[in-house]
């Protein structure tokens, strides 16, 4: 099964993708994790990505498409994958569709994790306290606000794109983690 998880930053997409990976063996493909790995490696791409992420902006479509395309070719993705953090724009969604067709693949579903933005902002900012100061550099109040603005302006418009295709499913992301997981399994037909 090939799935996209959508929702604002901090909505729990990564947590839910990990749960699906652990339970069903789908591979979680988090562009954020891949970009942070590049940052940690100090590569040219990593340094460019860090600058963009620290400003609360999105890296270029070309970089993201290349990273995802290469990753989908790996053997561990053959049993299914969960895209977490991609696509983030309508252009990326179209590029993803094109790339999947070229690879003989398709999406089975796009799951939107719906959340309250005010509570979400507090949740993201709280990650710094929970991590004992080892928070992500993009978990500051100013960057959180910018990330939510960017999501609303650039990513939320892909929801109608996927709704038209019949792939979009929505779940309540404000309930307990296990309840969100149960809802996702239900909309994916995995129960």
N, C-alpha and C. Protein backbone atom coordinates (compact mmCIF):
# COMPACT_ATOMS: atom_id res chain seq x y z
N UNK A 1 0.84 -1.17 0.00
CA UNK A 1 0.00 0.00 0.00
C UNK A 1 0.89 1.24 0.00
N UNK A 2 0.57 2.20 -0.84
CA UNK A 2 1.31 3.45 -0.97
C UNK A 2 0.42 4.60 -0.53
N UNK A 3 0.86 5.30 0.51
CA UNK A 3 0.03 6.29 1.18
C UNK A 3 0.79 7.60 1.36
N UNK A 4 0.06 8.71 1.27
CA UNK A 4 0.58 10.02 1.64
C UNK A 4 -0.15 10.44 2.91
N UNK A 5 0.60 10.90 3.92
CA UNK A 5 0.00 11.49 5.12
C UNK A 5 0.18 12.99 5.03
N UNK A 6 -0.94 13.72 5.14
CA UNK A 6 -0.92 15.18 5.08
C UNK A 6 -1.43 15.76 6.39
N UNK A 7 -0.97 16.95 6.69
CA UNK A 7 -1.42 17.69 7.86
C UNK A 7 -0.36 18.71 8.20
N UNK A 8 -0.73 19.71 8.96
CA UNK A 8 0.24 20.74 9.33
C UNK A 8 1.42 20.17 10.10
N UNK A 9 2.52 20.91 10.17
CA UNK A 9 3.66 20.47 10.98
C UNK A 9 3.21 20.23 12.41
N UNK A 10 3.62 19.12 12.99
CA UNK A 10 3.27 18.80 14.37
C UNK A 10 1.94 18.08 14.52
N UNK A 11 1.28 17.74 13.41
CA UNK A 11 -0.03 17.09 13.49
C UNK A 11 0.06 15.61 13.84
N UNK A 12 1.25 15.07 13.89
CA UNK A 12 1.42 13.66 14.25
C UNK A 12 1.63 12.74 13.06
N UNK A 13 1.89 13.31 11.88
CA UNK A 13 2.10 12.48 10.69
C UNK A 13 3.25 11.49 10.89
N UNK A 14 4.34 11.97 11.42
CA UNK A 14 5.51 11.11 11.62
C UNK A 14 5.23 9.99 12.59
N UNK A 15 4.55 10.31 13.68
CA UNK A 15 4.18 9.30 14.67
C UNK A 15 3.28 8.24 14.03
N UNK A 16 2.29 8.68 13.28
CA UNK A 16 1.36 7.73 12.65
C UNK A 16 2.04 6.90 11.57
N UNK A 17 2.94 7.53 10.82
CA UNK A 17 3.67 6.78 9.79
C UNK A 17 4.52 5.69 10.44
N UNK A 18 5.15 6.00 11.57
CA UNK A 18 5.97 5.01 12.28
C UNK A 18 5.12 3.85 12.78
N UNK A 19 3.92 4.17 13.28
CA UNK A 19 3.03 3.10 13.75
C UNK A 19 2.63 2.18 12.59
N UNK A 20 2.31 2.77 11.44
CA UNK A 20 1.96 1.94 10.26
C UNK A 20 3.16 1.11 9.81
N UNK A 21 4.33 1.71 9.86
CA UNK A 21 5.55 0.99 9.48
C UNK A 21 5.76 -0.21 10.40
N UNK A 22 5.64 0.02 11.71
CA UNK A 22 5.86 -1.05 12.67
C UNK A 22 4.82 -2.17 12.54
N UNK A 23 3.55 -1.79 12.31
CA UNK A 23 2.49 -2.79 12.28
C UNK A 23 2.37 -3.52 10.95
N UNK A 24 2.58 -2.80 9.83
CA UNK A 24 2.31 -3.40 8.53
C UNK A 24 3.55 -3.54 7.64
N UNK A 25 4.68 -2.98 8.06
CA UNK A 25 5.90 -3.12 7.28
C UNK A 25 6.05 -2.14 6.13
N UNK A 26 5.12 -1.17 6.03
CA UNK A 26 5.30 -0.12 5.03
C UNK A 26 6.50 0.73 5.44
N UNK A 27 7.20 1.26 4.48
CA UNK A 27 8.38 2.07 4.78
C UNK A 27 7.99 3.54 4.89
N UNK A 28 8.35 4.14 6.04
CA UNK A 28 8.08 5.55 6.25
C UNK A 28 9.14 6.37 5.52
N UNK A 29 8.69 7.23 4.64
CA UNK A 29 9.59 8.11 3.91
C UNK A 29 9.31 9.54 4.34
N UNK A 30 10.09 10.01 5.28
CA UNK A 30 9.94 11.36 5.80
C UNK A 30 10.97 12.26 5.13
N UNK A 31 10.49 13.16 4.32
CA UNK A 31 11.43 14.08 3.66
C UNK A 31 12.15 14.92 4.71
N UNK A 32 11.44 15.24 5.79
CA UNK A 32 12.09 15.99 6.86
C UNK A 32 13.27 15.23 7.42
N UNK A 33 13.09 13.92 7.68
CA UNK A 33 14.19 13.11 8.19
C UNK A 33 15.32 13.02 7.17
N UNK A 34 14.97 12.85 5.89
CA UNK A 34 16.00 12.77 4.86
C UNK A 34 16.77 14.09 4.76
N UNK A 35 16.06 15.19 4.85
CA UNK A 35 16.72 16.50 4.78
C UNK A 35 17.58 16.73 6.01
N UNK A 36 17.08 16.36 7.20
CA UNK A 36 17.89 16.53 8.41
C UNK A 36 19.13 15.66 8.36
N UNK A 37 19.04 14.46 7.75
CA UNK A 37 20.22 13.61 7.59
C UNK A 37 21.25 14.30 6.69
N UNK A 38 20.76 14.94 5.62
CA UNK A 38 21.67 15.68 4.74
C UNK A 38 22.31 16.84 5.47
N UNK A 39 21.54 17.52 6.33
CA UNK A 39 22.08 18.62 7.13
C UNK A 39 23.17 18.09 8.05
N UNK A 40 22.86 16.97 8.71
CA UNK A 40 23.83 16.37 9.63
C UNK A 40 25.10 15.93 8.94
N UNK A 41 24.98 15.50 7.68
CA UNK A 41 26.16 15.08 6.92
C UNK A 41 26.98 16.27 6.43
N UNK A 42 26.37 17.46 6.47
CA UNK A 42 27.08 18.66 6.05
C UNK A 42 27.28 18.77 4.55
N UNK A 43 26.46 18.04 3.79
CA UNK A 43 26.58 18.10 2.33
C UNK A 43 26.11 19.46 1.84
N UNK A 44 26.42 19.76 0.59
CA UNK A 44 25.97 21.02 0.01
C UNK A 44 24.45 21.11 0.05
N UNK A 45 23.79 20.01 -0.32
CA UNK A 45 22.34 19.96 -0.26
C UNK A 45 21.86 20.16 1.17
N UNK A 46 22.54 19.53 2.12
CA UNK A 46 22.17 19.66 3.52
C UNK A 46 22.28 21.08 4.03
N UNK A 47 23.35 21.76 3.66
CA UNK A 47 23.52 23.15 4.09
C UNK A 47 22.46 24.06 3.48
N UNK A 48 22.15 23.82 2.22
CA UNK A 48 21.10 24.60 1.54
C UNK A 48 19.75 24.33 2.20
N UNK A 49 19.47 23.06 2.47
CA UNK A 49 18.21 22.69 3.09
C UNK A 49 18.09 23.29 4.49
N UNK A 50 19.17 23.29 5.26
CA UNK A 50 19.15 23.85 6.62
C UNK A 50 18.78 25.32 6.59
N UNK A 51 19.38 26.05 5.69
CA UNK A 51 19.09 27.48 5.59
C UNK A 51 17.61 27.71 5.30
N UNK A 52 17.06 26.94 4.38
CA UNK A 52 15.66 27.08 4.00
C UNK A 52 14.74 26.64 5.15
N UNK A 53 15.03 25.49 5.77
CA UNK A 53 14.19 24.98 6.86
C UNK A 53 14.22 25.91 8.07
N UNK A 54 15.39 26.44 8.40
CA UNK A 54 15.50 27.34 9.55
C UNK A 54 14.68 28.62 9.35
N UNK A 55 14.46 28.99 8.10
CA UNK A 55 13.65 30.16 7.79
C UNK A 55 12.16 29.80 7.70
N UNK A 56 11.82 28.52 7.91
CA UNK A 56 10.44 28.08 7.87
C UNK A 56 9.89 27.98 6.46
N UNK A 57 10.78 27.89 5.48
CA UNK A 57 10.35 27.80 4.09
C UNK A 57 10.55 26.37 3.58
N UNK A 58 10.11 26.13 2.36
CA UNK A 58 10.20 24.82 1.74
C UNK A 58 11.37 24.74 0.77
N UNK A 59 12.04 23.59 0.74
CA UNK A 59 13.11 23.41 -0.24
C UNK A 59 12.49 23.27 -1.63
N UNK A 60 13.32 23.41 -2.65
CA UNK A 60 12.81 23.41 -4.03
C UNK A 60 12.18 22.07 -4.40
N UNK A 61 11.22 22.15 -5.32
CA UNK A 61 10.56 20.94 -5.81
C UNK A 61 11.58 19.98 -6.43
N UNK A 62 12.54 20.51 -7.17
CA UNK A 62 13.53 19.66 -7.85
C UNK A 62 14.29 18.81 -6.84
N UNK A 63 14.71 19.42 -5.74
CA UNK A 63 15.46 18.68 -4.72
C UNK A 63 14.58 17.60 -4.11
N UNK A 64 13.36 17.96 -3.75
CA UNK A 64 12.47 17.00 -3.10
C UNK A 64 12.10 15.85 -4.03
N UNK A 65 11.79 16.16 -5.27
CA UNK A 65 11.42 15.11 -6.22
C UNK A 65 12.59 14.16 -6.43
N UNK A 66 13.79 14.69 -6.54
CA UNK A 66 14.96 13.84 -6.74
C UNK A 66 15.20 12.93 -5.54
N UNK A 67 15.07 13.48 -4.34
CA UNK A 67 15.27 12.67 -3.13
C UNK A 67 14.24 11.55 -3.05
N UNK A 68 12.97 11.88 -3.26
CA UNK A 68 11.91 10.88 -3.18
C UNK A 68 12.04 9.84 -4.29
N UNK A 69 12.30 10.27 -5.50
CA UNK A 69 12.42 9.33 -6.62
C UNK A 69 13.51 8.31 -6.36
N UNK A 70 14.66 8.78 -5.91
CA UNK A 70 15.77 7.88 -5.62
C UNK A 70 15.41 6.90 -4.50
N UNK A 71 14.75 7.41 -3.48
CA UNK A 71 14.40 6.57 -2.33
C UNK A 71 13.38 5.49 -2.71
N UNK A 72 12.43 5.83 -3.59
CA UNK A 72 11.42 4.86 -4.00
C UNK A 72 12.01 3.69 -4.78
N UNK A 73 13.20 3.87 -5.33
CA UNK A 73 13.86 2.80 -6.07
C UNK A 73 14.48 1.74 -5.16
N UNK A 74 14.58 2.03 -3.87
CA UNK A 74 15.20 1.09 -2.93
C UNK A 74 14.29 -0.13 -2.73
N UNK A 75 14.91 -1.28 -2.54
CA UNK A 75 14.17 -2.53 -2.39
C UNK A 75 13.18 -2.52 -1.24
N UNK A 76 13.53 -1.83 -0.14
CA UNK A 76 12.64 -1.86 1.02
C UNK A 76 11.32 -1.14 0.79
N UNK A 77 11.21 -0.38 -0.28
CA UNK A 77 9.96 0.33 -0.60
C UNK A 77 9.01 -0.51 -1.44
N UNK A 78 9.46 -1.67 -1.88
CA UNK A 78 8.64 -2.49 -2.78
C UNK A 78 7.35 -2.99 -2.13
N UNK A 79 7.34 -3.14 -0.78
CA UNK A 79 6.16 -3.63 -0.09
C UNK A 79 5.17 -2.55 0.31
N UNK A 80 5.46 -1.32 -0.06
CA UNK A 80 4.59 -0.20 0.26
C UNK A 80 5.34 0.89 1.00
N UNK A 81 4.86 2.10 0.85
CA UNK A 81 5.53 3.23 1.50
C UNK A 81 4.51 4.24 1.99
N UNK A 82 4.96 5.03 2.95
CA UNK A 82 4.17 6.12 3.50
C UNK A 82 4.99 7.39 3.33
N UNK A 83 4.49 8.31 2.54
CA UNK A 83 5.15 9.59 2.37
C UNK A 83 4.67 10.54 3.45
N UNK A 84 5.61 11.05 4.22
CA UNK A 84 5.34 11.93 5.35
C UNK A 84 6.11 13.22 5.09
N UNK A 85 5.41 14.28 4.72
CA UNK A 85 6.06 15.54 4.44
C UNK A 85 6.23 15.84 2.96
N UNK A 86 5.67 15.00 2.14
CA UNK A 86 5.73 15.19 0.69
C UNK A 86 4.51 14.52 0.09
N UNK A 87 3.81 15.14 -0.82
CA UNK A 87 4.07 16.45 -1.42
C UNK A 87 3.57 17.58 -0.53
N UNK A 88 4.14 18.76 -0.74
CA UNK A 88 3.75 19.94 0.03
C UNK A 88 3.13 21.02 -0.83
N UNK A 89 3.15 20.84 -2.12
CA UNK A 89 2.54 21.82 -3.03
C UNK A 89 1.82 21.06 -4.14
N UNK A 90 0.93 21.78 -4.84
CA UNK A 90 0.23 21.15 -5.96
C UNK A 90 1.25 20.72 -7.02
N UNK A 91 2.27 21.54 -7.25
CA UNK A 91 3.30 21.17 -8.24
C UNK A 91 3.99 19.87 -7.83
N UNK A 92 4.29 19.72 -6.55
CA UNK A 92 4.92 18.48 -6.08
C UNK A 92 3.96 17.31 -6.22
N UNK A 93 2.68 17.53 -5.94
CA UNK A 93 1.69 16.46 -6.08
C UNK A 93 1.63 15.99 -7.53
N UNK A 94 1.66 16.93 -8.46
CA UNK A 94 1.66 16.56 -9.88
C UNK A 94 2.95 15.84 -10.24
N UNK A 95 4.08 16.33 -9.74
CA UNK A 95 5.37 15.67 -10.01
C UNK A 95 5.38 14.26 -9.44
N UNK A 96 4.81 14.10 -8.24
CA UNK A 96 4.73 12.78 -7.63
C UNK A 96 3.90 11.84 -8.50
N UNK A 97 2.74 12.30 -8.95
CA UNK A 97 1.90 11.47 -9.81
C UNK A 97 2.66 11.04 -11.06
N UNK A 98 3.33 11.98 -11.69
CA UNK A 98 4.11 11.69 -12.90
C UNK A 98 5.21 10.68 -12.60
N UNK A 99 5.94 10.91 -11.51
CA UNK A 99 7.03 10.02 -11.13
C UNK A 99 6.50 8.61 -10.86
N UNK A 100 5.39 8.50 -10.14
CA UNK A 100 4.84 7.18 -9.83
C UNK A 100 4.41 6.45 -11.09
N UNK A 101 3.76 7.15 -12.01
CA UNK A 101 3.35 6.53 -13.27
C UNK A 101 4.59 6.00 -14.00
N UNK A 102 5.65 6.80 -14.05
CA UNK A 102 6.89 6.38 -14.71
C UNK A 102 7.48 5.14 -14.07
N UNK A 103 7.26 4.96 -12.76
CA UNK A 103 7.80 3.81 -12.04
C UNK A 103 6.80 2.65 -12.01
N UNK A 104 5.62 2.83 -12.61
CA UNK A 104 4.60 1.79 -12.58
C UNK A 104 3.94 1.66 -11.23
N UNK A 105 3.92 2.74 -10.45
CA UNK A 105 3.33 2.75 -9.12
C UNK A 105 2.14 3.70 -9.08
N UNK A 106 1.38 3.63 -7.97
CA UNK A 106 0.28 4.57 -7.76
C UNK A 106 0.07 4.74 -6.27
N UNK A 107 -0.62 5.82 -5.92
CA UNK A 107 -1.03 6.02 -4.53
C UNK A 107 -2.33 5.27 -4.30
N UNK A 108 -2.45 4.68 -3.12
CA UNK A 108 -3.69 4.02 -2.73
C UNK A 108 -4.59 4.95 -1.94
N UNK A 109 -3.99 5.89 -1.20
CA UNK A 109 -4.77 6.83 -0.40
C UNK A 109 -3.91 8.00 0.03
N UNK A 110 -4.59 9.12 0.30
CA UNK A 110 -3.98 10.30 0.90
C UNK A 110 -4.80 10.57 2.15
N UNK A 111 -4.13 10.53 3.32
CA UNK A 111 -4.83 10.71 4.59
C UNK A 111 -4.45 12.06 5.19
N UNK A 112 -5.47 12.88 5.41
CA UNK A 112 -5.28 14.19 6.05
C UNK A 112 -5.52 14.04 7.54
N UNK A 113 -4.51 14.44 8.34
CA UNK A 113 -4.65 14.46 9.79
C UNK A 113 -5.10 15.87 10.16
N UNK A 114 -6.37 16.01 10.53
CA UNK A 114 -6.98 17.32 10.82
C UNK A 114 -6.73 17.71 12.28
N UNK A 115 -6.25 18.96 12.48
CA UNK A 115 -5.93 19.43 13.83
C UNK A 115 -6.33 20.89 14.01
N UNK A 116 -6.41 21.32 15.26
CA UNK A 116 -6.65 22.71 15.62
C UNK A 116 -5.29 23.42 15.64
N UNK A 117 -5.13 24.47 14.84
CA UNK A 117 -3.82 25.12 14.69
C UNK A 117 -3.31 25.77 15.97
N UNK A 118 -4.18 26.33 16.81
CA UNK A 118 -3.73 26.97 18.04
C UNK A 118 -3.13 25.94 18.99
N UNK A 119 -3.82 24.82 19.13
CA UNK A 119 -3.30 23.75 19.99
C UNK A 119 -2.04 23.17 19.38
N UNK A 120 -2.04 23.06 18.06
CA UNK A 120 -0.89 22.53 17.34
C UNK A 120 0.36 23.38 17.57
N UNK A 121 0.23 24.70 17.50
CA UNK A 121 1.37 25.60 17.70
C UNK A 121 1.97 25.38 19.09
N UNK A 122 1.11 25.24 20.09
CA UNK A 122 1.59 24.99 21.44
C UNK A 122 2.29 23.63 21.52
N UNK A 123 1.76 22.63 20.80
CA UNK A 123 2.35 21.30 20.79
C UNK A 123 3.75 21.33 20.19
N UNK A 124 3.91 22.00 19.06
CA UNK A 124 5.22 22.07 18.41
C UNK A 124 6.22 22.79 19.29
N UNK A 125 5.81 23.95 19.81
CA UNK A 125 6.71 24.72 20.67
C UNK A 125 7.09 23.92 21.91
N UNK A 126 6.18 23.08 22.38
CA UNK A 126 6.44 22.26 23.55
C UNK A 126 7.45 21.15 23.33
N UNK A 127 7.71 20.81 22.05
CA UNK A 127 8.70 19.76 21.78
C UNK A 127 10.06 20.13 22.33
N UNK A 128 10.37 21.43 22.36
CA UNK A 128 11.67 21.87 22.88
C UNK A 128 11.80 21.50 24.36
N UNK A 129 10.74 21.73 25.13
CA UNK A 129 10.77 21.40 26.56
C UNK A 129 10.84 19.90 26.77
N UNK A 130 10.08 19.14 25.99
CA UNK A 130 10.05 17.69 26.14
C UNK A 130 11.39 17.05 25.78
N UNK A 131 12.12 17.69 24.87
CA UNK A 131 13.39 17.10 24.42
C UNK A 131 14.56 17.52 25.29
N UNK A 132 14.30 18.26 26.36
CA UNK A 132 15.38 18.69 27.24
C UNK A 132 16.33 19.66 26.57
N UNK A 133 15.82 20.46 25.65
CA UNK A 133 16.65 21.45 24.98
C UNK A 133 17.25 20.96 23.68
N UNK A 134 17.07 19.68 23.36
CA UNK A 134 17.63 19.14 22.12
C UNK A 134 16.60 19.21 21.00
N UNK A 135 15.89 20.33 20.93
CA UNK A 135 14.82 20.45 19.95
C UNK A 135 15.36 20.74 18.56
N UNK A 136 14.48 20.58 17.60
CA UNK A 136 14.82 20.92 16.23
C UNK A 136 14.98 22.43 16.13
N UNK A 137 15.85 22.87 15.23
CA UNK A 137 16.08 24.30 15.07
C UNK A 137 14.88 25.02 14.49
N UNK A 138 13.88 24.25 13.99
CA UNK A 138 12.69 24.89 13.43
C UNK A 138 11.50 24.82 14.39
N UNK A 139 11.76 24.57 15.69
CA UNK A 139 10.70 24.51 16.69
C UNK A 139 10.65 25.77 17.56
N UNK A 140 10.92 26.93 17.02
CA UNK A 140 10.76 28.18 17.75
C UNK A 140 9.40 28.76 17.42
N UNK A 141 8.88 29.64 18.30
CA UNK A 141 7.55 30.22 18.08
C UNK A 141 7.45 30.91 16.72
N UNK A 142 8.45 31.71 16.35
CA UNK A 142 8.39 32.42 15.08
C UNK A 142 8.40 31.46 13.90
N UNK A 143 9.24 30.46 13.96
CA UNK A 143 9.32 29.51 12.85
C UNK A 143 8.06 28.65 12.80
N UNK A 144 7.52 28.28 13.97
CA UNK A 144 6.27 27.51 14.00
C UNK A 144 5.16 28.29 13.29
N UNK A 145 5.02 29.57 13.63
CA UNK A 145 4.00 30.39 12.98
C UNK A 145 4.22 30.43 11.47
N UNK A 146 5.46 30.61 11.06
CA UNK A 146 5.78 30.66 9.63
C UNK A 146 5.46 29.32 8.97
N UNK A 147 5.81 28.22 9.62
CA UNK A 147 5.55 26.89 9.05
C UNK A 147 4.06 26.65 8.89
N UNK A 148 3.26 27.09 9.86
CA UNK A 148 1.81 26.94 9.75
C UNK A 148 1.26 27.82 8.63
N UNK A 149 1.79 29.05 8.51
CA UNK A 149 1.38 29.93 7.41
C UNK A 149 1.70 29.30 6.06
N UNK A 150 2.92 28.75 5.95
CA UNK A 150 3.34 28.11 4.70
C UNK A 150 2.45 26.91 4.40
N UNK A 151 2.12 26.12 5.43
CA UNK A 151 1.23 24.98 5.22
C UNK A 151 -0.10 25.45 4.66
N UNK A 152 -0.70 26.44 5.33
CA UNK A 152 -2.01 26.95 4.92
C UNK A 152 -2.00 27.48 3.49
N UNK A 153 -0.93 28.21 3.14
CA UNK A 153 -0.85 28.85 1.83
C UNK A 153 -0.44 27.89 0.71
N UNK A 154 0.50 26.99 1.00
CA UNK A 154 1.08 26.18 -0.08
C UNK A 154 0.64 24.72 -0.07
N UNK A 155 0.48 24.13 1.11
CA UNK A 155 0.18 22.71 1.16
C UNK A 155 -1.32 22.43 1.20
N UNK A 156 -2.07 23.17 1.99
CA UNK A 156 -3.51 22.92 2.08
C UNK A 156 -4.20 22.92 0.71
N UNK A 157 -3.75 23.73 -0.27
CA UNK A 157 -4.40 23.67 -1.59
C UNK A 157 -4.30 22.32 -2.31
N UNK A 158 -3.45 21.41 -1.85
CA UNK A 158 -3.40 20.11 -2.52
C UNK A 158 -4.54 19.20 -2.06
N UNK A 159 -5.22 19.59 -0.98
CA UNK A 159 -6.34 18.76 -0.51
C UNK A 159 -7.42 18.61 -1.58
N UNK A 160 -7.87 19.71 -2.23
CA UNK A 160 -8.86 19.54 -3.31
C UNK A 160 -8.31 18.71 -4.47
N UNK A 161 -7.01 18.83 -4.75
CA UNK A 161 -6.36 18.06 -5.81
C UNK A 161 -6.57 16.56 -5.56
N UNK A 162 -6.33 16.12 -4.32
CA UNK A 162 -6.49 14.71 -4.00
C UNK A 162 -7.95 14.32 -3.79
N UNK A 163 -8.77 15.27 -3.35
CA UNK A 163 -10.20 14.98 -3.19
C UNK A 163 -10.82 14.66 -4.54
N UNK A 164 -10.46 15.44 -5.57
CA UNK A 164 -10.97 15.21 -6.93
C UNK A 164 -10.60 13.82 -7.44
N UNK A 165 -9.44 13.33 -7.04
CA UNK A 165 -9.00 12.02 -7.51
C UNK A 165 -9.64 10.88 -6.72
N UNK A 166 -10.36 11.23 -5.65
CA UNK A 166 -11.00 10.20 -4.83
C UNK A 166 -10.07 9.55 -3.82
N UNK A 167 -8.85 10.05 -3.69
CA UNK A 167 -7.87 9.45 -2.80
C UNK A 167 -7.91 10.01 -1.37
N UNK A 168 -8.47 11.21 -1.19
CA UNK A 168 -8.39 11.91 0.09
C UNK A 168 -9.32 11.32 1.14
N UNK A 169 -8.75 11.01 2.30
CA UNK A 169 -9.48 10.55 3.48
C UNK A 169 -9.04 11.46 4.62
N UNK A 170 -9.95 11.80 5.53
CA UNK A 170 -9.60 12.67 6.65
C UNK A 170 -9.85 11.97 7.97
N UNK A 171 -8.95 12.23 8.95
CA UNK A 171 -9.10 11.70 10.30
C UNK A 171 -8.88 12.84 11.29
N UNK A 172 -9.46 12.70 12.48
CA UNK A 172 -9.33 13.68 13.54
C UNK A 172 -7.99 13.46 14.24
N UNK A 173 -7.10 14.43 14.12
CA UNK A 173 -5.78 14.33 14.74
C UNK A 173 -5.71 14.88 16.14
N UNK A 174 -6.84 15.32 16.70
CA UNK A 174 -6.86 15.91 18.03
C UNK A 174 -7.20 14.90 19.13
N UNK A 175 -7.47 13.68 18.74
CA UNK A 175 -7.76 12.63 19.72
C UNK A 175 -6.46 11.93 20.09
N UNK A 176 -6.54 10.98 21.00
CA UNK A 176 -5.35 10.24 21.44
C UNK A 176 -4.65 9.55 20.26
N UNK A 177 -3.35 9.38 20.37
CA UNK A 177 -2.54 8.79 19.30
C UNK A 177 -3.10 7.46 18.83
N UNK A 178 -3.49 6.59 19.79
CA UNK A 178 -4.01 5.28 19.39
C UNK A 178 -5.36 5.39 18.67
N UNK A 179 -6.16 6.41 19.01
CA UNK A 179 -7.42 6.62 18.31
C UNK A 179 -7.19 7.13 16.89
N UNK A 180 -6.19 8.00 16.73
CA UNK A 180 -5.83 8.47 15.39
C UNK A 180 -5.37 7.28 14.56
N UNK A 181 -4.53 6.44 15.14
CA UNK A 181 -4.01 5.26 14.44
C UNK A 181 -5.15 4.34 14.01
N UNK A 182 -6.13 4.13 14.90
CA UNK A 182 -7.27 3.28 14.57
C UNK A 182 -8.06 3.88 13.41
N UNK A 183 -8.27 5.20 13.43
CA UNK A 183 -9.00 5.87 12.34
C UNK A 183 -8.27 5.73 11.02
N UNK A 184 -6.95 5.87 11.05
CA UNK A 184 -6.16 5.74 9.82
C UNK A 184 -6.26 4.32 9.28
N UNK A 185 -6.10 3.33 10.16
CA UNK A 185 -6.24 1.94 9.70
C UNK A 185 -7.62 1.70 9.08
N UNK A 186 -8.64 2.29 9.67
CA UNK A 186 -10.01 2.12 9.17
C UNK A 186 -10.16 2.73 7.79
N UNK A 187 -9.71 3.99 7.60
CA UNK A 187 -9.88 4.62 6.28
C UNK A 187 -9.02 3.97 5.21
N UNK A 188 -7.94 3.29 5.63
CA UNK A 188 -7.09 2.57 4.68
C UNK A 188 -7.58 1.14 4.44
N UNK A 189 -8.59 0.73 5.16
CA UNK A 189 -9.10 -0.64 5.01
C UNK A 189 -8.18 -1.68 5.58
N UNK A 190 -7.44 -1.34 6.64
CA UNK A 190 -6.47 -2.25 7.24
C UNK A 190 -6.98 -2.88 8.53
N UNK A 191 -8.27 -2.72 8.82
CA UNK A 191 -8.81 -3.27 10.08
C UNK A 191 -9.48 -4.59 9.84
